[in-house]
Amino acid sequence: MNAMWPRRAAVREMTIQQALEWAFAVERAQIDFDETGAHEFDRPGVDNIWILQRQRELGCRVDGGGSSDPHPDAQIIAAAVEALPIGVGGRRMALLVAECARARRVPCWRADERRAVVPCGWDTTDAGEWLACTRKLDSVTFRDARSRVKTYRPELCPVTYTGSAAALAYRRREYLAWYGALLHLLSELSWCDAFTALKLVDGLPDLSPWNSA
């Protein structure tokens, strides 16, 4: 009689972007900067990835309770994102990486942005029509053609410019910084031998998608 052994889950090959989207969008992993002291009694000098590896070997987490945890591989990825160094963007970049992964998108580099003059805001009428937001200035006094004194409040529509070189440059710098963070994560996680459900393979998003837009 043949013994029935549990079948091991197939290992999926993923790029770093696919792995991030799986961890944050599918497994719903979270990053925690320990603002509430949740890791107050963790061992000092021990990396988060090391802790997750030990938890995987144990087969459970000792803090107990609550909803089911994400896959251990997803927790390792989230820990790596959480630990992004300052030189790669630090916490701000960690939040951007997680946000983009949950939404399965890349940072907006304004592919369809065109130079235009647009209102700074919009209002709606009772009929549901959109109107440009206006603002009234201080009262102004003047004399009309018959020398009668009149007072009124000028009304203007604040506007802004879109598609300027400065705005596009800022968005593209943000995209390149995000790209650098993914490159860093790929380099860091490629050395991790604790993954059980995925294998990282080479592959990164387009370095400069605006060149082919």
N, C-alpha and C. Protein backbone atom coordinates (compact mmCIF):
# COMPACT_ATOMS: atom_id res chain seq x y z
N MET A 1 0.85 -1.19 0.00
CA MET A 1 0.00 0.00 0.00
C MET A 1 0.89 1.24 0.00
N ASN A 2 0.66 2.14 -0.95
CA ASN A 2 1.48 3.34 -1.05
C ASN A 2 1.03 4.39 -0.05
N ALA A 3 1.97 5.01 0.61
CA ALA A 3 1.63 6.08 1.57
C ALA A 3 1.22 7.32 0.81
N MET A 4 0.26 8.02 1.37
CA MET A 4 -0.24 9.26 0.77
C MET A 4 0.50 10.44 1.39
N TRP A 5 1.34 11.07 0.61
CA TRP A 5 2.11 12.20 1.10
C TRP A 5 1.47 13.50 0.61
N PRO A 6 1.46 14.55 1.42
CA PRO A 6 0.90 15.83 0.96
C PRO A 6 1.69 16.37 -0.21
N ARG A 7 0.98 16.88 -1.21
CA ARG A 7 1.62 17.41 -2.40
C ARG A 7 2.12 18.83 -2.13
N ARG A 8 3.34 19.06 -2.48
CA ARG A 8 3.92 20.39 -2.27
C ARG A 8 3.40 21.36 -3.33
N ALA A 9 3.06 22.56 -2.91
CA ALA A 9 2.54 23.56 -3.84
C ALA A 9 3.59 23.90 -4.89
N ALA A 10 3.12 24.10 -6.11
CA ALA A 10 4.03 24.42 -7.20
C ALA A 10 4.65 25.80 -6.97
N VAL A 11 5.91 25.92 -7.30
CA VAL A 11 6.62 27.19 -7.17
C VAL A 11 6.39 28.01 -8.43
N ARG A 12 5.92 29.22 -8.26
CA ARG A 12 5.64 30.10 -9.39
C ARG A 12 6.80 31.07 -9.60
N GLU A 13 7.19 31.22 -10.84
CA GLU A 13 8.23 32.19 -11.17
C GLU A 13 7.57 33.57 -11.36
N MET A 14 8.13 34.57 -10.71
CA MET A 14 7.58 35.92 -10.77
C MET A 14 8.69 36.94 -10.90
N THR A 15 8.40 38.00 -11.61
CA THR A 15 9.29 39.15 -11.58
C THR A 15 9.06 39.88 -10.26
N ILE A 16 9.90 40.84 -9.94
CA ILE A 16 9.74 41.55 -8.68
C ILE A 16 8.44 42.33 -8.65
N GLN A 17 8.02 42.90 -9.78
CA GLN A 17 6.75 43.62 -9.81
C GLN A 17 5.58 42.67 -9.60
N GLN A 18 5.60 41.51 -10.24
CA GLN A 18 4.54 40.53 -10.04
C GLN A 18 4.51 40.02 -8.60
N ALA A 19 5.68 39.83 -8.00
CA ALA A 19 5.75 39.36 -6.62
C ALA A 19 5.17 40.40 -5.67
N LEU A 20 5.47 41.67 -5.91
CA LEU A 20 4.92 42.73 -5.06
C LEU A 20 3.40 42.79 -5.19
N GLU A 21 2.89 42.69 -6.41
CA GLU A 21 1.44 42.73 -6.60
C GLU A 21 0.77 41.52 -5.96
N TRP A 22 1.42 40.37 -6.03
CA TRP A 22 0.86 39.18 -5.39
C TRP A 22 0.84 39.36 -3.87
N ALA A 23 1.92 39.88 -3.32
CA ALA A 23 2.03 40.02 -1.86
C ALA A 23 1.02 41.03 -1.31
N PHE A 24 0.90 42.19 -1.97
CA PHE A 24 0.06 43.25 -1.43
C PHE A 24 -1.37 43.24 -1.93
N ALA A 25 -1.59 42.82 -3.19
CA ALA A 25 -2.95 42.84 -3.74
C ALA A 25 -3.68 41.53 -3.50
N VAL A 26 -2.97 40.41 -3.58
CA VAL A 26 -3.62 39.10 -3.42
C VAL A 26 -3.58 38.64 -1.97
N GLU A 27 -2.39 38.61 -1.40
CA GLU A 27 -2.24 38.15 -0.02
C GLU A 27 -2.52 39.24 1.01
N ARG A 28 -2.66 40.46 0.55
CA ARG A 28 -2.98 41.60 1.42
C ARG A 28 -1.97 41.77 2.56
N ALA A 29 -0.71 41.65 2.21
CA ALA A 29 0.34 41.91 3.20
C ALA A 29 0.35 43.39 3.55
N GLN A 30 0.83 43.70 4.74
CA GLN A 30 0.87 45.08 5.24
C GLN A 30 2.30 45.43 5.64
N ILE A 31 2.60 46.71 5.57
CA ILE A 31 3.86 47.18 6.12
C ILE A 31 3.56 47.91 7.42
N ASP A 32 4.42 47.71 8.40
CA ASP A 32 4.21 48.26 9.73
C ASP A 32 5.51 48.90 10.19
N PHE A 33 5.47 50.22 10.35
CA PHE A 33 6.67 50.93 10.80
C PHE A 33 6.77 50.97 12.32
N ASP A 34 5.94 50.15 12.99
CA ASP A 34 6.02 49.99 14.44
C ASP A 34 5.76 51.31 15.17
N GLU A 35 4.76 52.08 14.69
CA GLU A 35 4.43 53.33 15.37
C GLU A 35 3.80 53.07 16.73
N THR A 36 3.19 51.88 16.93
CA THR A 36 2.50 51.58 18.18
C THR A 36 3.33 50.71 19.11
N GLY A 37 4.58 50.46 18.76
CA GLY A 37 5.43 49.66 19.63
C GLY A 37 5.12 48.17 19.56
N ALA A 38 4.56 47.70 18.45
CA ALA A 38 4.19 46.29 18.34
C ALA A 38 5.41 45.39 18.40
N HIS A 39 6.57 45.92 18.01
CA HIS A 39 7.79 45.11 18.02
C HIS A 39 8.73 45.55 19.14
N GLU A 40 8.16 46.08 20.20
CA GLU A 40 8.99 46.65 21.27
C GLU A 40 9.93 45.62 21.87
N PHE A 41 9.48 44.35 21.94
CA PHE A 41 10.28 43.34 22.61
C PHE A 41 10.97 42.39 21.63
N ASP A 42 11.02 42.78 20.35
CA ASP A 42 11.78 42.00 19.39
C ASP A 42 13.27 42.06 19.72
N ARG A 43 14.01 41.05 19.29
CA ARG A 43 15.44 41.04 19.57
C ARG A 43 16.12 42.14 18.78
N PRO A 44 16.91 43.00 19.43
CA PRO A 44 17.60 44.07 18.70
C PRO A 44 18.65 43.51 17.76
N GLY A 45 18.78 44.15 16.60
CA GLY A 45 19.78 43.73 15.64
C GLY A 45 19.39 42.54 14.79
N VAL A 46 18.13 42.07 14.92
CA VAL A 46 17.66 40.94 14.13
C VAL A 46 16.81 41.45 13.00
N ASP A 47 17.13 41.05 11.78
CA ASP A 47 16.40 41.52 10.60
C ASP A 47 15.01 40.92 10.56
N ASN A 48 14.04 41.70 9.99
CA ASN A 48 12.66 41.22 9.89
C ASN A 48 12.56 39.95 9.06
N ILE A 49 13.36 39.86 7.99
CA ILE A 49 13.32 38.66 7.15
C ILE A 49 13.78 37.44 7.94
N TRP A 50 14.80 37.63 8.81
CA TRP A 50 15.27 36.51 9.66
C TRP A 50 14.15 36.04 10.58
N ILE A 51 13.41 36.99 11.17
CA ILE A 51 12.31 36.63 12.07
C ILE A 51 11.25 35.83 11.32
N LEU A 52 10.89 36.27 10.09
CA LEU A 52 9.88 35.56 9.31
C LEU A 52 10.36 34.17 8.91
N GLN A 53 11.65 34.02 8.65
CA GLN A 53 12.18 32.70 8.33
C GLN A 53 12.04 31.75 9.52
N ARG A 54 12.32 32.27 10.72
CA ARG A 54 12.19 31.44 11.91
C ARG A 54 10.72 31.08 12.16
N GLN A 55 9.81 32.02 11.89
CA GLN A 55 8.39 31.73 12.06
C GLN A 55 7.94 30.66 11.07
N ARG A 56 8.48 30.69 9.84
CA ARG A 56 8.12 29.68 8.85
C ARG A 56 8.62 28.30 9.29
N GLU A 57 9.83 28.24 9.85
CA GLU A 57 10.36 26.97 10.32
C GLU A 57 9.53 26.42 11.48
N LEU A 58 9.04 27.35 12.34
CA LEU A 58 8.22 26.92 13.47
C LEU A 58 6.85 26.46 12.99
N GLY A 59 6.36 27.06 11.92
CA GLY A 59 5.06 26.67 11.38
C GLY A 59 3.91 27.51 11.88
N CYS A 60 4.19 28.50 12.72
CA CYS A 60 3.13 29.36 13.23
C CYS A 60 3.75 30.62 13.82
N ARG A 61 2.88 31.58 14.12
CA ARG A 61 3.32 32.78 14.82
C ARG A 61 2.81 32.72 16.25
N VAL A 62 3.58 33.25 17.16
CA VAL A 62 3.26 33.10 18.56
C VAL A 62 2.41 34.25 19.10
N ASP A 63 2.11 35.26 18.26
CA ASP A 63 1.32 36.36 18.78
C ASP A 63 -0.17 36.06 18.73
N GLY A 64 -0.62 35.11 17.93
CA GLY A 64 -1.97 34.56 17.97
C GLY A 64 -3.11 35.53 17.75
N GLY A 65 -4.31 34.97 17.47
CA GLY A 65 -5.53 35.77 17.37
C GLY A 65 -5.67 36.49 16.05
N GLY A 66 -6.85 37.06 15.82
CA GLY A 66 -7.08 37.88 14.63
C GLY A 66 -7.35 37.05 13.40
N SER A 67 -7.33 37.72 12.26
CA SER A 67 -7.59 37.06 11.00
C SER A 67 -6.37 36.29 10.53
N SER A 68 -6.57 35.47 9.50
CA SER A 68 -5.47 34.66 8.99
C SER A 68 -4.39 35.55 8.41
N ASP A 69 -3.16 35.14 8.58
CA ASP A 69 -2.03 35.93 8.12
C ASP A 69 -1.80 35.72 6.62
N PRO A 70 -1.14 36.67 5.97
CA PRO A 70 -0.75 36.45 4.59
C PRO A 70 0.24 35.29 4.49
N HIS A 71 0.46 34.84 3.27
CA HIS A 71 1.43 33.78 3.03
C HIS A 71 2.80 34.24 3.55
N PRO A 72 3.58 33.32 4.16
CA PRO A 72 4.90 33.71 4.67
C PRO A 72 5.78 34.38 3.63
N ASP A 73 5.69 33.94 2.37
CA ASP A 73 6.48 34.59 1.32
C ASP A 73 6.06 36.04 1.15
N ALA A 74 4.76 36.30 1.25
CA ALA A 74 4.27 37.67 1.13
C ALA A 74 4.74 38.52 2.30
N GLN A 75 4.83 37.92 3.48
CA GLN A 75 5.31 38.65 4.65
C GLN A 75 6.80 39.00 4.51
N ILE A 76 7.56 38.09 3.91
CA ILE A 76 8.98 38.38 3.68
C ILE A 76 9.13 39.55 2.72
N ILE A 77 8.32 39.56 1.66
CA ILE A 77 8.37 40.66 0.70
C ILE A 77 7.97 41.97 1.36
N ALA A 78 6.91 41.94 2.17
CA ALA A 78 6.47 43.15 2.85
C ALA A 78 7.53 43.66 3.81
N ALA A 79 8.23 42.74 4.49
CA ALA A 79 9.29 43.14 5.41
C ALA A 79 10.44 43.81 4.67
N ALA A 80 10.75 43.31 3.47
CA ALA A 80 11.81 43.91 2.67
C ALA A 80 11.41 45.31 2.22
N VAL A 81 10.14 45.48 1.84
CA VAL A 81 9.66 46.81 1.45
C VAL A 81 9.71 47.76 2.64
N GLU A 82 9.28 47.27 3.77
CA GLU A 82 9.28 48.08 4.99
C GLU A 82 10.69 48.54 5.36
N ALA A 83 11.70 47.75 5.04
CA ALA A 83 13.08 48.04 5.44
C ALA A 83 13.87 48.77 4.36
N LEU A 84 13.18 49.35 3.37
CA LEU A 84 13.91 50.09 2.34
C LEU A 84 14.78 51.17 2.98
N PRO A 85 16.05 51.25 2.63
CA PRO A 85 16.94 52.25 3.24
C PRO A 85 16.64 53.66 2.75
N ILE A 86 17.17 54.62 3.48
CA ILE A 86 16.95 56.02 3.14
C ILE A 86 17.47 56.33 1.74
N GLY A 87 18.57 55.73 1.37
CA GLY A 87 19.15 56.00 0.07
C GLY A 87 18.28 55.57 -1.09
N VAL A 88 17.30 54.70 -0.84
CA VAL A 88 16.39 54.24 -1.88
C VAL A 88 15.03 54.92 -1.75
N GLY A 89 14.87 55.73 -0.73
CA GLY A 89 13.59 56.43 -0.55
C GLY A 89 12.97 56.24 0.81
N GLY A 90 13.44 55.25 1.58
CA GLY A 90 12.96 55.06 2.93
C GLY A 90 11.47 54.77 3.02
N ARG A 91 10.85 55.29 4.07
CA ARG A 91 9.44 55.00 4.34
C ARG A 91 8.52 55.55 3.26
N ARG A 92 8.85 56.73 2.74
CA ARG A 92 8.00 57.31 1.71
C ARG A 92 7.95 56.41 0.49
N MET A 93 9.10 55.87 0.09
CA MET A 93 9.14 54.98 -1.06
C MET A 93 8.47 53.65 -0.73
N ALA A 94 8.60 53.18 0.50
CA ALA A 94 7.94 51.94 0.89
C ALA A 94 6.43 52.06 0.73
N LEU A 95 5.88 53.20 1.13
CA LEU A 95 4.45 53.42 0.99
C LEU A 95 4.05 53.49 -0.48
N LEU A 96 4.87 54.13 -1.30
CA LEU A 96 4.56 54.23 -2.73
C LEU A 96 4.61 52.85 -3.39
N VAL A 97 5.62 52.05 -3.06
CA VAL A 97 5.74 50.71 -3.63
C VAL A 97 4.52 49.86 -3.26
N ALA A 98 4.13 49.91 -1.98
CA ALA A 98 2.98 49.12 -1.53
C ALA A 98 1.69 49.61 -2.18
N GLU A 99 1.52 50.93 -2.28
CA GLU A 99 0.31 51.49 -2.89
C GLU A 99 0.20 51.08 -4.35
N CYS A 100 1.28 51.19 -5.11
CA CYS A 100 1.25 50.81 -6.52
C CYS A 100 1.00 49.31 -6.68
N ALA A 101 1.58 48.50 -5.80
CA ALA A 101 1.38 47.06 -5.89
C ALA A 101 -0.07 46.69 -5.62
N ARG A 102 -0.69 47.32 -4.62
CA ARG A 102 -2.10 47.02 -4.33
C ARG A 102 -3.00 47.40 -5.49
N ALA A 103 -2.68 48.50 -6.14
CA ALA A 103 -3.50 48.96 -7.27
C ALA A 103 -3.07 48.33 -8.59
N ARG A 104 -2.02 47.53 -8.58
CA ARG A 104 -1.47 46.89 -9.79
C ARG A 104 -1.18 47.94 -10.86
N ARG A 105 -0.46 48.94 -10.49
CA ARG A 105 -0.11 50.01 -11.43
C ARG A 105 1.31 50.47 -11.16
N VAL A 106 1.77 51.38 -11.99
CA VAL A 106 3.08 52.01 -11.79
C VAL A 106 2.83 53.47 -11.42
N PRO A 107 3.81 54.15 -10.86
CA PRO A 107 3.61 55.57 -10.54
C PRO A 107 3.24 56.36 -11.79
N CYS A 108 2.36 57.31 -11.63
CA CYS A 108 1.88 58.10 -12.76
C CYS A 108 2.99 59.00 -13.28
N TRP A 109 3.40 58.76 -14.51
CA TRP A 109 4.41 59.64 -15.12
C TRP A 109 3.77 60.55 -16.17
N ARG A 110 2.42 60.59 -16.16
CA ARG A 110 1.65 61.53 -16.98
C ARG A 110 1.86 61.28 -18.47
N ALA A 111 1.50 60.07 -18.88
CA ALA A 111 1.66 59.71 -20.29
C ALA A 111 0.77 60.57 -21.19
N ASP A 112 -0.43 60.93 -20.70
CA ASP A 112 -1.39 61.67 -21.52
C ASP A 112 -1.43 63.16 -21.17
N GLU A 113 -0.46 63.59 -20.39
CA GLU A 113 -0.47 64.99 -19.96
C GLU A 113 -0.16 65.92 -21.13
N ARG A 114 -0.93 66.97 -21.27
CA ARG A 114 -0.72 67.96 -22.31
C ARG A 114 -0.74 69.35 -21.67
N ARG A 115 -0.03 70.26 -22.29
CA ARG A 115 -0.01 71.62 -21.77
C ARG A 115 -1.39 72.24 -21.92
N ALA A 116 -1.90 72.77 -20.82
CA ALA A 116 -3.24 73.37 -20.84
C ALA A 116 -3.40 74.27 -19.64
N VAL A 117 -4.38 75.14 -19.73
CA VAL A 117 -4.77 76.00 -18.62
C VAL A 117 -6.09 75.46 -18.09
N VAL A 118 -6.13 75.06 -16.83
CA VAL A 118 -7.33 74.45 -16.25
C VAL A 118 -7.66 75.14 -14.93
N PRO A 119 -8.94 75.14 -14.53
CA PRO A 119 -9.31 75.72 -13.24
C PRO A 119 -8.67 74.96 -12.09
N CYS A 120 -8.44 75.65 -11.00
CA CYS A 120 -7.86 74.99 -9.82
C CYS A 120 -8.87 74.11 -9.10
N GLY A 121 -10.15 74.30 -9.40
CA GLY A 121 -11.19 73.49 -8.76
C GLY A 121 -12.49 73.57 -9.53
N TRP A 122 -13.44 72.73 -9.13
CA TRP A 122 -14.72 72.66 -9.81
C TRP A 122 -15.85 72.66 -8.80
N ASP A 123 -16.97 73.28 -9.19
CA ASP A 123 -18.20 73.27 -8.40
C ASP A 123 -19.31 72.63 -9.25
N THR A 124 -20.39 72.24 -8.60
CA THR A 124 -21.54 71.69 -9.32
C THR A 124 -22.78 72.51 -9.02
N THR A 125 -23.61 72.67 -10.02
CA THR A 125 -24.89 73.37 -9.84
C THR A 125 -25.92 72.39 -9.30
N ASP A 126 -27.10 72.91 -8.96
CA ASP A 126 -28.18 72.05 -8.49
C ASP A 126 -28.61 71.06 -9.57
N ALA A 127 -28.38 71.42 -10.82
CA ALA A 127 -28.75 70.54 -11.93
C ALA A 127 -27.67 69.52 -12.24
N GLY A 128 -26.57 69.55 -11.48
CA GLY A 128 -25.50 68.59 -11.69
C GLY A 128 -24.48 68.99 -12.74
N GLU A 129 -24.52 70.25 -13.18
CA GLU A 129 -23.57 70.72 -14.17
C GLU A 129 -22.27 71.16 -13.48
N TRP A 130 -21.16 70.92 -14.15
CA TRP A 130 -19.86 71.29 -13.61
C TRP A 130 -19.52 72.71 -14.02
N LEU A 131 -19.08 73.50 -13.04
CA LEU A 131 -18.66 74.87 -13.29
C LEU A 131 -17.29 75.08 -12.67
N ALA A 132 -16.48 75.91 -13.32
CA ALA A 132 -15.17 76.23 -12.77
C ALA A 132 -15.33 76.97 -11.45
N CYS A 133 -14.53 76.62 -10.48
CA CYS A 133 -14.60 77.25 -9.17
C CYS A 133 -14.13 78.70 -9.25
N THR A 134 -14.87 79.60 -8.64
CA THR A 134 -14.52 81.01 -8.64
C THR A 134 -14.30 81.50 -7.21
N ARG A 135 -13.67 82.66 -7.12
CA ARG A 135 -13.39 83.24 -5.80
C ARG A 135 -13.60 84.74 -5.88
N LYS A 136 -14.28 85.28 -4.87
CA LYS A 136 -14.54 86.71 -4.83
C LYS A 136 -13.43 87.43 -4.07
N LEU A 137 -13.04 88.60 -4.60
CA LEU A 137 -12.02 89.41 -3.96
C LEU A 137 -12.66 90.44 -3.05
N ASP A 138 -11.84 91.27 -2.44
CA ASP A 138 -12.37 92.32 -1.57
C ASP A 138 -13.15 93.35 -2.39
N SER A 139 -14.04 94.04 -1.71
CA SER A 139 -14.89 95.03 -2.38
C SER A 139 -14.06 96.16 -2.99
N VAL A 140 -14.51 96.64 -4.13
CA VAL A 140 -13.84 97.72 -4.86
C VAL A 140 -14.85 98.85 -5.07
N THR A 141 -14.43 100.08 -4.80
CA THR A 141 -15.30 101.25 -4.98
C THR A 141 -14.82 102.06 -6.18
N PHE A 142 -15.77 102.52 -7.00
CA PHE A 142 -15.41 103.31 -8.17
C PHE A 142 -16.56 104.28 -8.49
N ARG A 143 -16.30 105.21 -9.37
CA ARG A 143 -17.31 106.16 -9.82
C ARG A 143 -17.66 105.85 -11.28
N ASP A 144 -18.97 105.87 -11.56
CA ASP A 144 -19.39 105.61 -12.92
C ASP A 144 -19.33 106.90 -13.75
N ALA A 145 -19.86 106.83 -14.96
CA ALA A 145 -19.79 107.98 -15.88
C ALA A 145 -20.51 109.21 -15.33
N ARG A 146 -21.47 109.00 -14.41
CA ARG A 146 -22.22 110.13 -13.84
C ARG A 146 -21.69 110.51 -12.45
N SER A 147 -20.46 110.02 -12.16
CA SER A 147 -19.80 110.32 -10.88
C SER A 147 -20.54 109.74 -9.68
N ARG A 148 -21.34 108.75 -9.91
CA ARG A 148 -21.99 108.08 -8.79
C ARG A 148 -21.06 107.00 -8.22
N VAL A 149 -20.97 106.93 -6.92
CA VAL A 149 -20.09 105.96 -6.25
C VAL A 149 -20.78 104.59 -6.24
N LYS A 150 -20.07 103.60 -6.73
CA LYS A 150 -20.59 102.24 -6.73
C LYS A 150 -19.55 101.29 -6.15
N THR A 151 -20.06 100.23 -5.57
CA THR A 151 -19.19 99.22 -4.95
C THR A 151 -19.57 97.83 -5.46
N TYR A 152 -18.57 97.05 -5.76
CA TYR A 152 -18.84 95.67 -6.16
C TYR A 152 -17.64 94.80 -5.76
N ARG A 153 -17.85 93.48 -5.79
CA ARG A 153 -16.78 92.53 -5.44
C ARG A 153 -16.35 91.77 -6.70
N PRO A 154 -15.13 92.01 -7.16
CA PRO A 154 -14.66 91.28 -8.36
C PRO A 154 -14.63 89.77 -8.11
N GLU A 155 -14.90 89.03 -9.14
CA GLU A 155 -14.90 87.57 -9.07
C GLU A 155 -13.94 87.02 -10.11
N LEU A 156 -13.11 86.12 -9.70
CA LEU A 156 -12.13 85.54 -10.64
C LEU A 156 -12.12 84.03 -10.54
N CYS A 157 -11.49 83.41 -11.51
CA CYS A 157 -11.38 81.95 -11.56
C CYS A 157 -9.90 81.58 -11.48
N PRO A 158 -9.44 81.07 -10.35
CA PRO A 158 -8.03 80.66 -10.25
C PRO A 158 -7.73 79.52 -11.23
N VAL A 159 -6.61 79.63 -11.91
CA VAL A 159 -6.24 78.60 -12.88
C VAL A 159 -4.82 78.10 -12.59
N THR A 160 -4.50 76.97 -13.17
CA THR A 160 -3.17 76.41 -13.07
C THR A 160 -2.78 75.83 -14.42
N TYR A 161 -1.50 75.55 -14.57
CA TYR A 161 -0.99 75.02 -15.84
C TYR A 161 -0.66 73.54 -15.66
N THR A 162 -1.04 72.73 -16.62
CA THR A 162 -0.70 71.31 -16.61
C THR A 162 0.29 71.03 -17.74
N GLY A 163 1.02 69.95 -17.57
CA GLY A 163 1.95 69.55 -18.61
C GLY A 163 3.19 70.39 -18.71
N SER A 164 3.49 71.14 -17.66
CA SER A 164 4.70 71.95 -17.70
C SER A 164 5.93 71.05 -17.59
N ALA A 165 7.06 71.57 -18.01
CA ALA A 165 8.30 70.79 -17.96
C ALA A 165 8.65 70.42 -16.53
N ALA A 166 8.40 71.32 -15.58
CA ALA A 166 8.72 71.03 -14.18
C ALA A 166 7.85 69.90 -13.63
N ALA A 167 6.54 69.95 -13.98
CA ALA A 167 5.63 68.90 -13.49
C ALA A 167 5.99 67.54 -14.08
N LEU A 168 6.29 67.50 -15.36
CA LEU A 168 6.66 66.24 -15.99
C LEU A 168 7.97 65.70 -15.43
N ALA A 169 8.94 66.60 -15.20
CA ALA A 169 10.22 66.17 -14.66
C ALA A 169 10.06 65.57 -13.26
N TYR A 170 9.19 66.17 -12.44
CA TYR A 170 8.96 65.65 -11.09
C TYR A 170 8.35 64.25 -11.15
N ARG A 171 7.35 64.06 -12.01
CA ARG A 171 6.71 62.75 -12.11
C ARG A 171 7.68 61.69 -12.61
N ARG A 172 8.52 62.07 -13.55
CA ARG A 172 9.46 61.10 -14.10
C ARG A 172 10.55 60.76 -13.09
N ARG A 173 10.96 61.73 -12.29
CA ARG A 173 11.93 61.44 -11.23
C ARG A 173 11.33 60.47 -10.22
N GLU A 174 10.05 60.66 -9.91
CA GLU A 174 9.38 59.75 -8.97
C GLU A 174 9.32 58.34 -9.54
N TYR A 175 9.02 58.23 -10.85
CA TYR A 175 8.97 56.92 -11.49
C TYR A 175 10.35 56.26 -11.44
N LEU A 176 11.39 57.01 -11.75
CA LEU A 176 12.74 56.44 -11.74
C LEU A 176 13.15 56.02 -10.33
N ALA A 177 12.73 56.79 -9.32
CA ALA A 177 13.03 56.40 -7.93
C ALA A 177 12.31 55.10 -7.57
N TRP A 178 11.06 54.95 -8.01
CA TRP A 178 10.31 53.71 -7.80
C TRP A 178 10.99 52.55 -8.51
N TYR A 179 11.46 52.78 -9.72
CA TYR A 179 12.19 51.75 -10.47
C TYR A 179 13.44 51.33 -9.70
N GLY A 180 14.16 52.31 -9.14
CA GLY A 180 15.34 51.99 -8.35
C GLY A 180 15.01 51.18 -7.12
N ALA A 181 13.86 51.45 -6.49
CA ALA A 181 13.44 50.67 -5.32
C ALA A 181 13.16 49.22 -5.71
N LEU A 182 12.52 49.01 -6.87
CA LEU A 182 12.27 47.64 -7.32
C LEU A 182 13.58 46.92 -7.64
N LEU A 183 14.52 47.63 -8.21
CA LEU A 183 15.83 47.03 -8.51
C LEU A 183 16.52 46.63 -7.21
N HIS A 184 16.43 47.47 -6.18
CA HIS A 184 17.01 47.16 -4.88
C HIS A 184 16.34 45.94 -4.26
N LEU A 185 15.00 45.89 -4.33
CA LEU A 185 14.28 44.76 -3.75
C LEU A 185 14.61 43.46 -4.47
N LEU A 186 14.73 43.52 -5.79
CA LEU A 186 15.11 42.32 -6.55
C LEU A 186 16.48 41.83 -6.12
N SER A 187 17.41 42.76 -5.94
CA SER A 187 18.76 42.37 -5.51
C SER A 187 18.74 41.76 -4.11
N GLU A 188 17.96 42.36 -3.19
CA GLU A 188 17.92 41.87 -1.82
C GLU A 188 17.22 40.52 -1.72
N LEU A 189 16.07 40.38 -2.38
CA LEU A 189 15.26 39.18 -2.22
C LEU A 189 15.76 38.02 -3.06
N SER A 190 16.59 38.29 -4.04
CA SER A 190 17.12 37.19 -4.85
C SER A 190 18.01 36.28 -4.02
N TRP A 191 18.55 36.80 -2.91
CA TRP A 191 19.42 36.00 -2.05
C TRP A 191 18.63 35.25 -0.98
N CYS A 192 17.33 35.49 -0.91
CA CYS A 192 16.52 34.87 0.14
C CYS A 192 16.17 33.44 -0.27
N ASP A 193 16.52 32.47 0.59
CA ASP A 193 16.23 31.07 0.29
C ASP A 193 15.04 30.56 1.10
N ALA A 194 14.25 31.46 1.67
CA ALA A 194 13.11 31.06 2.50
C ALA A 194 11.80 30.98 1.74
N PHE A 195 11.79 31.42 0.47
CA PHE A 195 10.55 31.37 -0.30
C PHE A 195 10.13 29.92 -0.55
N THR A 196 8.85 29.65 -0.42
CA THR A 196 8.32 28.31 -0.66
C THR A 196 7.33 28.27 -1.81
N ALA A 197 6.72 29.41 -2.15
CA ALA A 197 5.68 29.41 -3.18
C ALA A 197 6.08 30.18 -4.43
N LEU A 198 7.18 30.90 -4.39
CA LEU A 198 7.57 31.68 -5.55
C LEU A 198 9.08 31.67 -5.72
N LYS A 199 9.47 31.99 -6.93
CA LYS A 199 10.89 32.13 -7.27
C LYS A 199 11.04 33.40 -8.08
N LEU A 200 11.89 34.28 -7.63
CA LEU A 200 12.10 35.54 -8.33
C LEU A 200 12.97 35.32 -9.56
N VAL A 201 12.53 35.91 -10.65
CA VAL A 201 13.30 35.85 -11.90
C VAL A 201 13.60 37.28 -12.35
N ASP A 202 14.57 37.40 -13.21
CA ASP A 202 14.93 38.72 -13.73
C ASP A 202 13.77 39.30 -14.53
N GLY A 203 13.66 40.60 -14.47
CA GLY A 203 12.60 41.28 -15.20
C GLY A 203 12.14 42.51 -14.43
N LEU A 204 12.22 43.66 -15.08
CA LEU A 204 11.84 44.91 -14.45
C LEU A 204 10.94 45.69 -15.42
N PRO A 205 10.16 46.62 -14.91
CA PRO A 205 9.34 47.45 -15.80
C PRO A 205 10.24 48.27 -16.74
N ASP A 206 9.61 48.92 -17.68
CA ASP A 206 10.33 49.77 -18.62
C ASP A 206 11.00 50.90 -17.85
N LEU A 207 12.28 51.13 -18.13
CA LEU A 207 13.03 52.15 -17.42
C LEU A 207 12.53 53.56 -17.76
N SER A 208 12.18 53.79 -19.01
CA SER A 208 11.72 55.12 -19.44
C SER A 208 10.55 54.94 -20.41
N PRO A 209 9.36 54.63 -19.91
CA PRO A 209 8.22 54.39 -20.80
C PRO A 209 7.82 55.60 -21.63
N TRP A 210 8.19 56.80 -21.18
CA TRP A 210 7.81 58.01 -21.92
C TRP A 210 8.54 58.10 -23.27
N ASN A 211 9.65 57.38 -23.42
CA ASN A 211 10.38 57.43 -24.69
C ASN A 211 9.64 56.69 -25.80
N SER A 212 8.78 55.75 -25.41
CA SER A 212 8.03 54.99 -26.41
C SER A 212 6.56 55.38 -26.45
N ALA A 213 6.18 56.41 -25.67
CA ALA A 213 4.77 56.81 -25.62
C ALA A 213 4.40 57.58 -26.89
